[in-house]
PDB file of N, CA and C in Angstrom:
ATOM      1  N   UNK A   1     171.553 123.292  76.199  1.00  0.00           N
ATOM      2  CA  UNK A   1     170.491 123.241  75.211  1.00  0.00           C
ATOM      3  C   UNK A   1     169.135 123.278  75.935  1.00  0.00           C
ATOM      4  N   UNK A   2     168.227 124.074  75.432  1.00  0.00           N
ATOM      5  CA  UNK A   2     166.918 124.205  76.075  1.00  0.00           C
ATOM      6  C   UNK A   2     166.013 123.024  75.730  1.00  0.00           C
ATOM      7  N   UNK A   3     164.953 122.874  76.485  1.00  0.00           N
ATOM      8  CA  UNK A   3     163.971 121.839  76.201  1.00  0.00           C
ATOM      9  C   UNK A   3     163.387 122.043  74.802  1.00  0.00           C
ATOM     10  N   UNK A   4     163.085 123.288  74.454  1.00  0.00           N
ATOM     11  CA  UNK A   4     162.516 123.593  73.141  1.00  0.00           C
ATOM     12  C   UNK A   4     163.456 123.147  72.019  1.00  0.00           C
ATOM     13  N   UNK A   5     164.749 123.364  72.205  1.00  0.00           N
ATOM     14  CA  UNK A   5     165.728 122.985  71.185  1.00  0.00           C
ATOM     15  C   UNK A   5     165.797 121.465  70.993  1.00  0.00           C
ATOM     16  N   UNK A   6     165.466 120.707  72.032  1.00  0.00           N
ATOM     17  CA  UNK A   6     165.488 119.244  71.965  1.00  0.00           C
ATOM     18  C   UNK A   6     164.170 118.660  71.445  1.00  0.00           C
ATOM     19  N   UNK A   7     163.123 119.475  71.433  1.00  0.00           N
ATOM     20  CA  UNK A   7     161.781 119.002  71.088  1.00  0.00           C
ATOM     21  C   UNK A   7     161.627 118.752  69.587  1.00  0.00           C
ATOM     22  N   UNK A   8     160.653 117.905  69.246  1.00  0.00           N
ATOM     23  CA  UNK A   8     160.401 117.533  67.849  1.00  0.00           C
ATOM     24  C   UNK A   8     159.366 118.458  67.217  1.00  0.00           C
ATOM     25  N   UNK A   9     159.743 119.166  66.140  1.00  0.00           N
ATOM     26  CA  UNK A   9     158.788 120.072  65.478  1.00  0.00           C
ATOM     27  C   UNK A   9     157.592 119.330  64.887  1.00  0.00           C
ATOM     28  N   UNK A  10     156.431 119.993  64.887  1.00  0.00           N
ATOM     29  CA  UNK A  10     155.218 119.452  64.265  1.00  0.00           C
ATOM     30  C   UNK A  10     154.765 120.412  63.161  1.00  0.00           C
ATOM     31  N   UNK A  11     153.949 119.936  62.238  1.00  0.00           N
ATOM     32  CA  UNK A  11     153.447 120.817  61.173  1.00  0.00           C
ATOM     33  C   UNK A  11     152.548 121.944  61.694  1.00  0.00           C
ATOM     34  N   UNK A  12     151.985 121.772  62.890  1.00  0.00           N
ATOM     35  CA  UNK A  12     151.073 122.779  63.452  1.00  0.00           C
ATOM     36  C   UNK A  12     151.788 123.963  64.085  1.00  0.00           C
ATOM     37  N   UNK A  13     153.126 123.950  64.121  1.00  0.00           N
ATOM     38  CA  UNK A  13     153.862 125.093  64.636  1.00  0.00           C
ATOM     39  C   UNK A  13     154.310 124.997  66.075  1.00  0.00           C
ATOM     40  N   UNK A  14     154.014 123.875  66.728  1.00  0.00           N
ATOM     41  CA  UNK A  14     154.531 123.654  68.084  1.00  0.00           C
ATOM     42  C   UNK A  14     155.482 122.467  68.033  1.00  0.00           C
ATOM     43  N   UNK A  15     156.057 122.111  69.176  1.00  0.00           N
ATOM     44  CA  UNK A  15     156.974 120.971  69.232  1.00  0.00           C
ATOM     45  C   UNK A  15     156.492 119.956  70.261  1.00  0.00           C
ATOM     46  N   UNK A  16     156.823 118.695  70.035  1.00  0.00           N
ATOM     47  CA  UNK A  16     156.472 117.620  70.956  1.00  0.00           C
ATOM     48  C   UNK A  16     157.649 117.301  71.869  1.00  0.00           C
ATOM     49  N   UNK A  17     157.336 117.052  73.148  1.00  0.00           N
ATOM     50  CA  UNK A  17     158.335 116.643  74.134  1.00  0.00           C
ATOM     51  C   UNK A  17     157.823 115.404  74.865  1.00  0.00           C
ATOM     52  N   UNK A  18     158.744 114.642  75.420  1.00  0.00           N
ATOM     53  CA  UNK A  18     158.385 113.438  76.166  1.00  0.00           C
ATOM     54  C   UNK A  18     158.224 113.778  77.651  1.00  0.00           C
ATOM     55  N   UNK A  19     157.507 112.922  78.394  1.00  0.00           N
ATOM     56  CA  UNK A  19     157.416 113.136  79.832  1.00  0.00           C
ATOM     57  C   UNK A  19     158.789 113.207  80.507  1.00  0.00           C
ATOM     58  N   UNK A  20     159.727 112.355  80.098  1.00  0.00           N
ATOM     59  CA  UNK A  20     161.068 112.364  80.701  1.00  0.00           C
ATOM     60  C   UNK A  20     161.762 113.707  80.475  1.00  0.00           C
ATOM     61  N   UNK A  21     161.607 114.266  79.259  1.00  0.00           N
ATOM     62  CA  UNK A  21     162.206 115.578  78.980  1.00  0.00           C
ATOM     63  C   UNK A  21     161.576 116.656  79.856  1.00  0.00           C
ATOM     64  N   UNK A  22     160.260 116.622  79.992  1.00  0.00           N
ATOM     65  CA  UNK A  22     159.576 117.613  80.833  1.00  0.00           C
ATOM     66  C   UNK A  22     160.072 117.501  82.268  1.00  0.00           C
ATOM     67  N   UNK A  23     160.170 116.284  82.766  1.00  0.00           N
ATOM     68  CA  UNK A  23     160.642 116.080  84.143  1.00  0.00           C
ATOM     69  C   UNK A  23     162.048 116.653  84.336  1.00  0.00           C
ATOM     70  N   UNK A  24     162.906 116.458  83.352  1.00  0.00           N
ATOM     71  CA  UNK A  24     164.287 116.950  83.432  1.00  0.00           C
ATOM     72  C   UNK A  24     164.338 118.481  83.540  1.00  0.00           C
ATOM     73  N   UNK A  25     163.340 119.153  82.991  1.00  0.00           N
ATOM     74  CA  UNK A  25     163.334 120.616  82.977  1.00  0.00           C
ATOM     75  C   UNK A  25     162.348 121.230  83.971  1.00  0.00           C
ATOM     76  N   UNK A  26     161.880 120.447  84.947  1.00  0.00           N
ATOM     77  CA  UNK A  26     160.971 121.005  85.964  1.00  0.00           C
ATOM     78  C   UNK A  26     161.615 122.214  86.623  1.00  0.00           C
ATOM     79  N   UNK A  27     160.846 123.280  86.768  1.00  0.00           N
ATOM     80  CA  UNK A  27     161.363 124.497  87.373  1.00  0.00           C
ATOM     81  C   UNK A  27     162.047 125.425  86.388  1.00  0.00           C
ATOM     82  N   UNK A  28     162.268 124.949  85.162  1.00  0.00           N
ATOM     83  CA  UNK A  28     162.940 125.775  84.148  1.00  0.00           C
ATOM     84  C   UNK A  28     162.008 126.178  83.016  1.00  0.00           C
ATOM     85  N   UNK A  29     160.832 125.546  82.946  1.00  0.00           N
ATOM     86  CA  UNK A  29     159.835 125.870  81.925  1.00  0.00           C
ATOM     87  C   UNK A  29     158.475 126.016  82.596  1.00  0.00           C
ATOM     88  N   UNK A  30     157.603 126.765  81.963  1.00  0.00           N
ATOM     89  CA  UNK A  30     156.239 126.914  82.459  1.00  0.00           C
ATOM     90  C   UNK A  30     155.427 125.719  81.968  1.00  0.00           C
ATOM     91  N   UNK A  31     154.743 125.048  82.903  1.00  0.00           N
ATOM     92  CA  UNK A  31     153.928 123.894  82.564  1.00  0.00           C
ATOM     93  C   UNK A  31     152.471 124.248  82.813  1.00  0.00           C
ATOM     94  N   UNK A  32     151.671 124.165  81.754  1.00  0.00           N
ATOM     95  CA  UNK A  32     150.248 124.482  81.844  1.00  0.00           C
ATOM     96  C   UNK A  32     149.445 123.216  81.579  1.00  0.00           C
ATOM     97  N   UNK A  33     148.641 122.820  82.557  1.00  0.00           N
ATOM     98  CA  UNK A  33     147.787 121.639  82.462  1.00  0.00           C
ATOM     99  C   UNK A  33     146.412 122.110  81.999  1.00  0.00           C
ATOM    100  N   UNK A  34     145.939 121.593  80.858  1.00  0.00           N
ATOM    101  CA  UNK A  34     144.685 122.074  80.272  1.00  0.00           C
ATOM    102  C   UNK A  34     143.483 121.176  80.594  1.00  0.00           C
ATOM    103  N   UNK A  35     143.656 120.273  81.552  1.00  0.00           N
ATOM    104  CA  UNK A  35     142.527 119.422  81.949  1.00  0.00           C
ATOM    105  C   UNK A  35     141.549 120.201  82.833  1.00  0.00           C
ATOM    106  N   UNK A  36     140.476 119.527  83.223  1.00  0.00           N
ATOM    107  CA  UNK A  36     139.498 120.128  84.128  1.00  0.00           C
ATOM    108  C   UNK A  36     139.997 120.005  85.576  1.00  0.00           C
ATOM    109  N   UNK A  37     139.501 120.861  86.480  1.00  0.00           N
ATOM    110  CA  UNK A  37     139.967 120.818  87.882  1.00  0.00           C
ATOM    111  C   UNK A  37     139.868 119.432  88.520  1.00  0.00           C
ATOM    112  N   UNK A  38     138.794 118.696  88.242  1.00  0.00           N
ATOM    113  CA  UNK A  38     138.641 117.363  88.847  1.00  0.00           C
ATOM    114  C   UNK A  38     139.717 116.395  88.358  1.00  0.00           C
ATOM    115  N   UNK A  39     140.197 116.583  87.130  1.00  0.00           N
ATOM    116  CA  UNK A  39     141.269 115.731  86.608  1.00  0.00           C
ATOM    117  C   UNK A  39     142.612 116.115  87.219  1.00  0.00           C
ATOM    118  N   UNK A  40     142.830 117.423  87.393  1.00  0.00           N
ATOM    119  CA  UNK A  40     144.083 117.954  87.939  1.00  0.00           C
ATOM    120  C   UNK A  40     144.348 117.372  89.326  1.00  0.00           C
ATOM    121  N   UNK A  41     143.285 117.225  90.117  1.00  0.00           N
ATOM    122  CA  UNK A  41     143.429 116.701  91.476  1.00  0.00           C
ATOM    123  C   UNK A  41     143.018 115.234  91.566  1.00  0.00           C
ATOM    124  N   UNK A  42     142.668 114.614  90.436  1.00  0.00           N
ATOM    125  CA  UNK A  42     142.184 113.237  90.420  1.00  0.00           C
ATOM    126  C   UNK A  42     143.286 112.198  90.486  1.00  0.00           C
ATOM    127  N   UNK A  43     142.962 110.977  90.046  1.00  0.00           N
ATOM    128  CA  UNK A  43     143.857 109.828  90.220  1.00  0.00           C
ATOM    129  C   UNK A  43     145.199 109.959  89.509  1.00  0.00           C
ATOM    130  N   UNK A  44     145.258 110.659  88.384  1.00  0.00           N
ATOM    131  CA  UNK A  44     146.542 110.832  87.694  1.00  0.00           C
ATOM    132  C   UNK A  44     147.386 111.937  88.324  1.00  0.00           C
ATOM    133  N   UNK A  45     146.750 112.784  89.134  1.00  0.00           N
ATOM    134  CA  UNK A  45     147.478 113.896  89.740  1.00  0.00           C
ATOM    135  C   UNK A  45     147.957 114.874  88.688  1.00  0.00           C
ATOM    136  N   UNK A  46     148.999 115.621  89.037  1.00  0.00           N
ATOM    137  CA  UNK A  46     149.563 116.587  88.091  1.00  0.00           C
ATOM    138  C   UNK A  46     151.064 116.713  88.320  1.00  0.00           C
ATOM    139  N   UNK A  47     151.725 117.311  87.358  1.00  0.00           N
ATOM    140  CA  UNK A  47     153.170 117.513  87.433  1.00  0.00           C
ATOM    141  C   UNK A  47     153.460 118.582  88.483  1.00  0.00           C
ATOM    142  N   UNK A  48     154.434 118.350  89.368  1.00  0.00           N
ATOM    143  CA  UNK A  48     154.784 119.361  90.363  1.00  0.00           C
ATOM    144  C   UNK A  48     155.107 120.707  89.696  1.00  0.00           C
ATOM    145  N   UNK A  49     154.456 121.767  90.175  1.00  0.00           N
ATOM    146  CA  UNK A  49     154.693 123.095  89.635  1.00  0.00           C
ATOM    147  C   UNK A  49     153.796 123.468  88.468  1.00  0.00           C
ATOM    148  N   UNK A  50     152.987 122.516  87.982  1.00  0.00           N
ATOM    149  CA  UNK A  50     152.090 122.818  86.859  1.00  0.00           C
ATOM    150  C   UNK A  50     150.978 123.750  87.317  1.00  0.00           C
ATOM    151  N   UNK A  51     150.525 124.595  86.388  1.00  0.00           N
ATOM    152  CA  UNK A  51     149.382 125.452  86.695  1.00  0.00           C
ATOM    153  C   UNK A  51     148.183 124.973  85.886  1.00  0.00           C
ATOM    154  N   UNK A  52     147.019 125.030  86.501  1.00  0.00           N
ATOM    155  CA  UNK A  52     145.796 124.570  85.857  1.00  0.00           C
ATOM    156  C   UNK A  52     145.140 125.709  85.080  1.00  0.00           C
ATOM    157  N   UNK A  53     144.984 125.500  83.766  1.00  0.00           N
ATOM    158  CA  UNK A  53     144.265 126.435  82.898  1.00  0.00           C
ATOM    159  C   UNK A  53     143.418 125.564  81.966  1.00  0.00           C
ATOM    160  N   UNK A  54     142.153 125.281  82.332  1.00  0.00           N
ATOM    161  CA  UNK A  54     141.328 124.396  81.510  1.00  0.00           C
ATOM    162  C   UNK A  54     141.287 124.823  80.040  1.00  0.00           C
ATOM    163  N   UNK A  55     141.223 123.837  79.149  1.00  0.00           N
ATOM    164  CA  UNK A  55     141.294 124.063  77.710  1.00  0.00           C
ATOM    165  C   UNK A  55     140.357 125.173  77.247  1.00  0.00           C
ATOM    166  N   UNK A  56     139.135 125.202  77.752  1.00  0.00           N
ATOM    167  CA  UNK A  56     138.152 126.198  77.303  1.00  0.00           C
ATOM    168  C   UNK A  56     138.591 127.633  77.596  1.00  0.00           C
ATOM    169  N   UNK A  57     139.533 127.799  78.523  1.00  0.00           N
ATOM    170  CA  UNK A  57     139.956 129.152  78.920  1.00  0.00           C
ATOM    171  C   UNK A  57     141.361 129.512  78.446  1.00  0.00           C
ATOM    172  N   UNK A  58     142.051 128.588  77.807  1.00  0.00           N
ATOM    173  CA  UNK A  58     143.470 128.797  77.470  1.00  0.00           C
ATOM    174  C   UNK A  58     143.707 130.048  76.627  1.00  0.00           C
ATOM    175  N   UNK A  59     142.971 130.206  75.535  1.00  0.00           N
ATOM    176  CA  UNK A  59     143.271 131.336  74.646  1.00  0.00           C
ATOM    177  C   UNK A  59     142.991 132.673  75.328  1.00  0.00           C
ATOM    178  N   UNK A  60     141.936 132.746  76.148  1.00  0.00           N
ATOM    179  CA  UNK A  60     141.664 133.986  76.891  1.00  0.00           C
ATOM    180  C   UNK A  60     142.775 134.265  77.903  1.00  0.00           C
ATOM    181  N   UNK A  61     143.143 133.246  78.677  1.00  0.00           N
ATOM    182  CA  UNK A  61     144.183 133.402  79.700  1.00  0.00           C
ATOM    183  C   UNK A  61     145.527 133.767  79.063  1.00  0.00           C
ATOM    184  N   UNK A  62     145.818 133.167  77.907  1.00  0.00           N
ATOM    185  CA  UNK A  62     147.127 133.325  77.275  1.00  0.00           C
ATOM    186  C   UNK A  62     147.354 134.721  76.708  1.00  0.00           C
ATOM    187  N   UNK A  63     146.314 135.520  76.580  1.00  0.00           N
ATOM    188  CA  UNK A  63     146.475 136.850  75.979  1.00  0.00           C
ATOM    189  C   UNK A  63     147.476 137.709  76.749  1.00  0.00           C
ATOM    190  N   UNK A  64     147.674 137.410  78.038  1.00  0.00           N
ATOM    191  CA  UNK A  64     148.615 138.208  78.837  1.00  0.00           C
ATOM    192  C   UNK A  64     149.964 137.507  79.057  1.00  0.00           C
ATOM    193  N   UNK A  65     150.155 136.321  78.483  1.00  0.00           N
ATOM    194  CA  UNK A  65     151.383 135.558  78.690  1.00  0.00           C
ATOM    195  C   UNK A  65     152.498 136.020  77.763  1.00  0.00           C
ATOM    196  N   UNK A  66     153.739 135.768  78.184  1.00  0.00           N
ATOM    197  CA  UNK A  66     154.926 136.051  77.381  1.00  0.00           C
ATOM    198  C   UNK A  66     154.969 135.093  76.191  1.00  0.00           C
ATOM    199  N   UNK A  67     154.903 135.636  74.982  1.00  0.00           N
ATOM    200  CA  UNK A  67     154.835 134.799  73.780  1.00  0.00           C
ATOM    201  C   UNK A  67     156.177 134.218  73.358  1.00  0.00           C
ATOM    202  N   UNK A  68     157.264 134.602  74.012  1.00  0.00           N
ATOM    203  CA  UNK A  68     158.568 134.041  73.651  1.00  0.00           C
ATOM    204  C   UNK A  68     159.137 133.126  74.737  1.00  0.00           C
ATOM    205  N   UNK A  69     158.360 132.878  75.797  1.00  0.00           N
ATOM    206  CA  UNK A  69     158.821 131.999  76.878  1.00  0.00           C
ATOM    207  C   UNK A  69     158.542 130.540  76.529  1.00  0.00           C
ATOM    208  N   UNK A  70     159.361 129.632  77.077  1.00  0.00           N
ATOM    209  CA  UNK A  70     159.130 128.207  76.900  1.00  0.00           C
ATOM    210  C   UNK A  70     157.851 127.817  77.639  1.00  0.00           C
ATOM    211  N   UNK A  71     156.961 127.112  76.964  1.00  0.00           N
ATOM    212  CA  UNK A  71     155.657 126.762  77.504  1.00  0.00           C
ATOM    213  C   UNK A  71     155.328 125.320  77.139  1.00  0.00           C
ATOM    214  N   UNK A  72     155.084 124.485  78.149  1.00  0.00           N
ATOM    215  CA  UNK A  72     154.731 123.084  77.925  1.00  0.00           C
ATOM    216  C   UNK A  72     153.269 122.893  78.298  1.00  0.00           C
ATOM    217  N   UNK A  73     152.495 122.320  77.378  1.00  0.00           N
ATOM    218  CA  UNK A  73     151.087 122.044  77.626  1.00  0.00           C
ATOM    219  C   UNK A  73     150.895 120.559  77.880  1.00  0.00           C
ATOM    220  N   UNK A  74     150.011 120.251  78.855  1.00  0.00           N
ATOM    221  CA  UNK A  74     149.802 118.890  79.323  1.00  0.00           C
ATOM    222  C   UNK A  74     148.301 118.623  79.465  1.00  0.00           C
ATOM    223  N   UNK A  75     147.883 117.383  79.164  1.00  0.00           N
ATOM    224  CA  UNK A  75     146.518 116.949  79.464  1.00  0.00           C
ATOM    225  C   UNK A  75     146.568 115.465  79.848  1.00  0.00           C
ATOM    226  N   UNK A  76     145.449 114.758  79.722  1.00  0.00           N
ATOM    227  CA  UNK A  76     145.405 113.353  80.114  1.00  0.00           C
ATOM    228  C   UNK A  76     146.220 112.477  79.167  1.00  0.00           C
ATOM    229  N   UNK A  77     146.002 112.644  77.835  1.00  0.00           N
ATOM    230  CA  UNK A  77     146.660 111.749  76.877  1.00  0.00           C
ATOM    231  C   UNK A  77     147.425 112.462  75.762  1.00  0.00           C
ATOM    232  N   UNK A  78     147.360 113.787  75.720  1.00  0.00           N
ATOM    233  CA  UNK A  78     148.085 114.553  74.715  1.00  0.00           C
ATOM    234  C   UNK A  78     147.222 115.194  73.649  1.00  0.00           C
ATOM    235  N   UNK A  79     145.955 114.828  73.571  1.00  0.00           N
ATOM    236  CA  UNK A  79     145.065 115.367  72.549  1.00  0.00           C
ATOM    237  C   UNK A  79     144.658 116.816  72.797  1.00  0.00           C
ATOM    238  N   UNK A  80     144.106 117.072  73.980  1.00  0.00           N
ATOM    239  CA  UNK A  80     143.689 118.444  74.304  1.00  0.00           C
ATOM    240  C   UNK A  80     144.872 119.391  74.364  1.00  0.00           C
ATOM    241  N   UNK A  81     145.973 118.932  74.913  1.00  0.00           N
ATOM    242  CA  UNK A  81     147.147 119.809  74.989  1.00  0.00           C
ATOM    243  C   UNK A  81     147.701 120.078  73.599  1.00  0.00           C
ATOM    244  N   UNK A  82     147.573 119.122  72.687  1.00  0.00           N
ATOM    245  CA  UNK A  82     147.980 119.342  71.297  1.00  0.00           C
ATOM    246  C   UNK A  82     147.128 120.413  70.637  1.00  0.00           C
ATOM    247  N   UNK A  83     145.817 120.373  70.890  1.00  0.00           N
ATOM    248  CA  UNK A  83     144.923 121.404  70.344  1.00  0.00           C
ATOM    249  C   UNK A  83     145.259 122.764  70.929  1.00  0.00           C
ATOM    250  N   UNK A  84     145.530 122.793  72.241  1.00  0.00           N
ATOM    251  CA  UNK A  84     145.891 124.054  72.883  1.00  0.00           C
ATOM    252  C   UNK A  84     147.213 124.585  72.338  1.00  0.00           C
ATOM    253  N   UNK A  85     148.174 123.693  72.128  1.00  0.00           N
ATOM    254  CA  UNK A  85     149.478 124.103  71.599  1.00  0.00           C
ATOM    255  C   UNK A  85     149.323 124.693  70.203  1.00  0.00           C
ATOM    256  N   UNK A  86     148.502 124.061  69.364  1.00  0.00           N
ATOM    257  CA  UNK A  86     148.270 124.568  68.007  1.00  0.00           C
ATOM    258  C   UNK A  86     147.603 125.948  68.055  1.00  0.00           C
ATOM    259  N   UNK A  87     146.649 126.122  68.962  1.00  0.00           N
ATOM    260  CA  UNK A  87     145.963 127.412  69.089  1.00  0.00           C
ATOM    261  C   UNK A  87     146.933 128.504  69.543  1.00  0.00           C
ATOM    262  N   UNK A  88     147.804 128.183  70.488  1.00  0.00           N
ATOM    263  CA  UNK A  88     148.768 129.174  70.974  1.00  0.00           C
ATOM    264  C   UNK A  88     149.803 129.501  69.893  1.00  0.00           C
ATOM    265  N   UNK A  89     150.235 128.495  69.145  1.00  0.00           N
ATOM    266  CA  UNK A  89     151.174 128.750  68.044  1.00  0.00           C
ATOM    267  C   UNK A  89     150.525 129.689  67.028  1.00  0.00           C
ATOM    268  N   UNK A  90     149.240 129.478  66.764  1.00  0.00           N
ATOM    269  CA  UNK A  90     148.519 130.340  65.821  1.00  0.00           C
ATOM    270  C   UNK A  90     148.373 131.766  66.363  1.00  0.00           C
ATOM    271  N   UNK A  91     148.411 131.914  67.699  1.00  0.00           N
ATOM    272  CA  UNK A  91     148.331 133.237  68.337  1.00  0.00           C
ATOM    273  C   UNK A  91     149.695 133.945  68.369  1.00  0.00           C
ATOM    274  N   UNK A  92     150.736 133.271  67.890  1.00  0.00           N
ATOM    275  CA  UNK A  92     152.045 133.902  67.851  1.00  0.00           C
ATOM    276  C   UNK A  92     153.012 133.465  68.934  1.00  0.00           C
ATOM    277  N   UNK A  93     152.632 132.456  69.719  1.00  0.00           N
ATOM    278  CA  UNK A  93     153.561 131.927  70.712  1.00  0.00           C
ATOM    279  C   UNK A  93     154.654 131.166  69.963  1.00  0.00           C
ATOM    280  N   UNK A  94     155.920 131.460  70.307  1.00  0.00           N
ATOM    281  CA  UNK A  94     157.043 130.956  69.522  1.00  0.00           C
ATOM    282  C   UNK A  94     157.688 129.693  70.075  1.00  0.00           C
ATOM    283  N   UNK A  95     157.491 129.386  71.365  1.00  0.00           N
ATOM    284  CA  UNK A  95     158.198 128.263  71.990  1.00  0.00           C
ATOM    285  C   UNK A  95     157.221 127.358  72.742  1.00  0.00           C
ATOM    286  N   UNK A  96     156.165 126.942  72.015  1.00  0.00           N
ATOM    287  CA  UNK A  96     155.117 126.107  72.589  1.00  0.00           C
ATOM    288  C   UNK A  96     155.446 124.631  72.381  1.00  0.00           C
ATOM    289  N   UNK A  97     155.232 123.842  73.442  1.00  0.00           N
ATOM    290  CA  UNK A  97     155.487 122.402  73.376  1.00  0.00           C
ATOM    291  C   UNK A  97     154.296 121.631  73.926  1.00  0.00           C
ATOM    292  N   UNK A  98     154.084 120.441  73.391  1.00  0.00           N
ATOM    293  CA  UNK A  98     153.037 119.531  73.839  1.00  0.00           C
ATOM    294  C   UNK A  98     153.709 118.287  74.405  1.00  0.00           C
ATOM    295  N   UNK A  99     153.300 117.871  75.628  1.00  0.00           N
ATOM    296  CA  UNK A  99     153.850 116.650  76.200  1.00  0.00           C
ATOM    297  C   UNK A  99     153.095 115.450  75.627  1.00  0.00           C
ATOM    298  N   UNK A 100     153.799 114.676  74.811  1.00  0.00           N
ATOM    299  CA  UNK A 100     153.218 113.522  74.132  1.00  0.00           C
ATOM    300  C   UNK A 100     152.792 112.466  75.154  1.00  0.00           C
ATOM    301  N   UNK A 101     151.572 111.976  74.984  1.00  0.00           N
ATOM    302  CA  UNK A 101     151.076 110.916  75.867  1.00  0.00           C
ATOM    303  C   UNK A 101     150.439 111.428  77.140  1.00  0.00           C
ATOM    304  N   UNK A 102     150.600 112.711  77.431  1.00  0.00           N
ATOM    305  CA  UNK A 102     149.957 113.329  78.587  1.00  0.00           C
ATOM    306  C   UNK A 102     150.316 112.702  79.924  1.00  0.00           C
ATOM    307  N   UNK A 103     149.412 112.900  80.884  1.00  0.00           N
ATOM    308  CA  UNK A 103     149.655 112.393  82.238  1.00  0.00           C
ATOM    309  C   UNK A 103     149.625 110.873  82.295  1.00  0.00           C
ATOM    310  N   UNK A 104     148.945 110.231  81.348  1.00  0.00           N
ATOM    311  CA  UNK A 104     148.990 108.759  81.306  1.00  0.00           C
ATOM    312  C   UNK A 104     150.421 108.290  81.079  1.00  0.00           C
ATOM    313  N   UNK A 105     151.118 108.908  80.135  1.00  0.00           N
ATOM    314  CA  UNK A 105     152.511 108.535  79.848  1.00  0.00           C
ATOM    315  C   UNK A 105     153.439 108.964  80.986  1.00  0.00           C
ATOM    316  N   UNK A 106     153.161 110.120  81.604  1.00  0.00           N
ATOM    317  CA  UNK A 106     153.978 110.605  82.717  1.00  0.00           C
ATOM    318  C   UNK A 106     153.905 109.615  83.876  1.00  0.00           C
ATOM    319  N   UNK A 107     152.680 109.160  84.178  1.00  0.00           N
ATOM    320  CA  UNK A 107     152.503 108.171  85.252  1.00  0.00           C
ATOM    321  C   UNK A 107     153.184 106.854  84.881  1.00  0.00           C
ATOM    322  N   UNK A 108     152.993 106.404  83.639  1.00  0.00           N
ATOM    323  CA  UNK A 108     153.585 105.152  83.167  1.00  0.00           C
ATOM    324  C   UNK A 108     155.112 105.173  83.300  1.00  0.00           C
ATOM    325  N   UNK A 109     155.706 106.357  83.110  1.00  0.00           N
ATOM    326  CA  UNK A 109     157.157 106.502  83.220  1.00  0.00           C
ATOM    327  C   UNK A 109     157.625 106.526  84.681  1.00  0.00           C
ATOM    328  N   UNK A 110     156.676 106.517  85.616  1.00  0.00           N
ATOM    329  CA  UNK A 110     157.027 106.481  87.032  1.00  0.00           C
ATOM    330  C   UNK A 110     157.560 107.807  87.567  1.00  0.00           C
ATOM    331  N   UNK A 111     157.196 108.895  86.904  1.00  0.00           N
ATOM    332  CA  UNK A 111     157.693 110.216  87.318  1.00  0.00           C
ATOM    333  C   UNK A 111     156.826 110.774  88.445  1.00  0.00           C
ATOM    334  N   UNK A 112     157.410 111.619  89.324  1.00  0.00           N
ATOM    335  CA  UNK A 112     156.681 112.100  90.496  1.00  0.00           C
ATOM    336  C   UNK A 112     155.512 113.016  90.146  1.00  0.00           C
ATOM    337  N   UNK A 113     154.405 112.787  90.844  1.00  0.00           N
ATOM    338  CA  UNK A 113     153.184 113.579  90.637  1.00  0.00           C
ATOM    339  C   UNK A 113     152.690 114.108  91.968  1.00  0.00           C
ATOM    340  N   UNK A 114     151.898 115.158  91.879  1.00  0.00           N
ATOM    341  CA  UNK A 114     151.253 115.693  93.087  1.00  0.00           C
ATOM    342  C   UNK A 114     149.779 115.367  93.042  1.00  0.00           C
TER     343      UNK A 114
END
């Protein structure tokens, strides 16, 4: 079963996933961190393998992305990544997920960060 299949649907057209679920699927899904560069390298760090695409640039950058691939969006607490996930779902992305609680929850769960 894929991460997307395990995720919780939202009314905005994307699905929510937990930090533990994201960790379990590292290397099998694309992880996009929508924070600013200083946050990506700051005290919370980032998920191993995540790519940095700041929120202000997500929709422009996403125009060339595969719209049917599994995509997990991450930020500090889940708010910005939720907005990004909703925007991508509205653009026709079919397998968009938001990591609930963001990097704060990922750190709290004791999961490895870079």
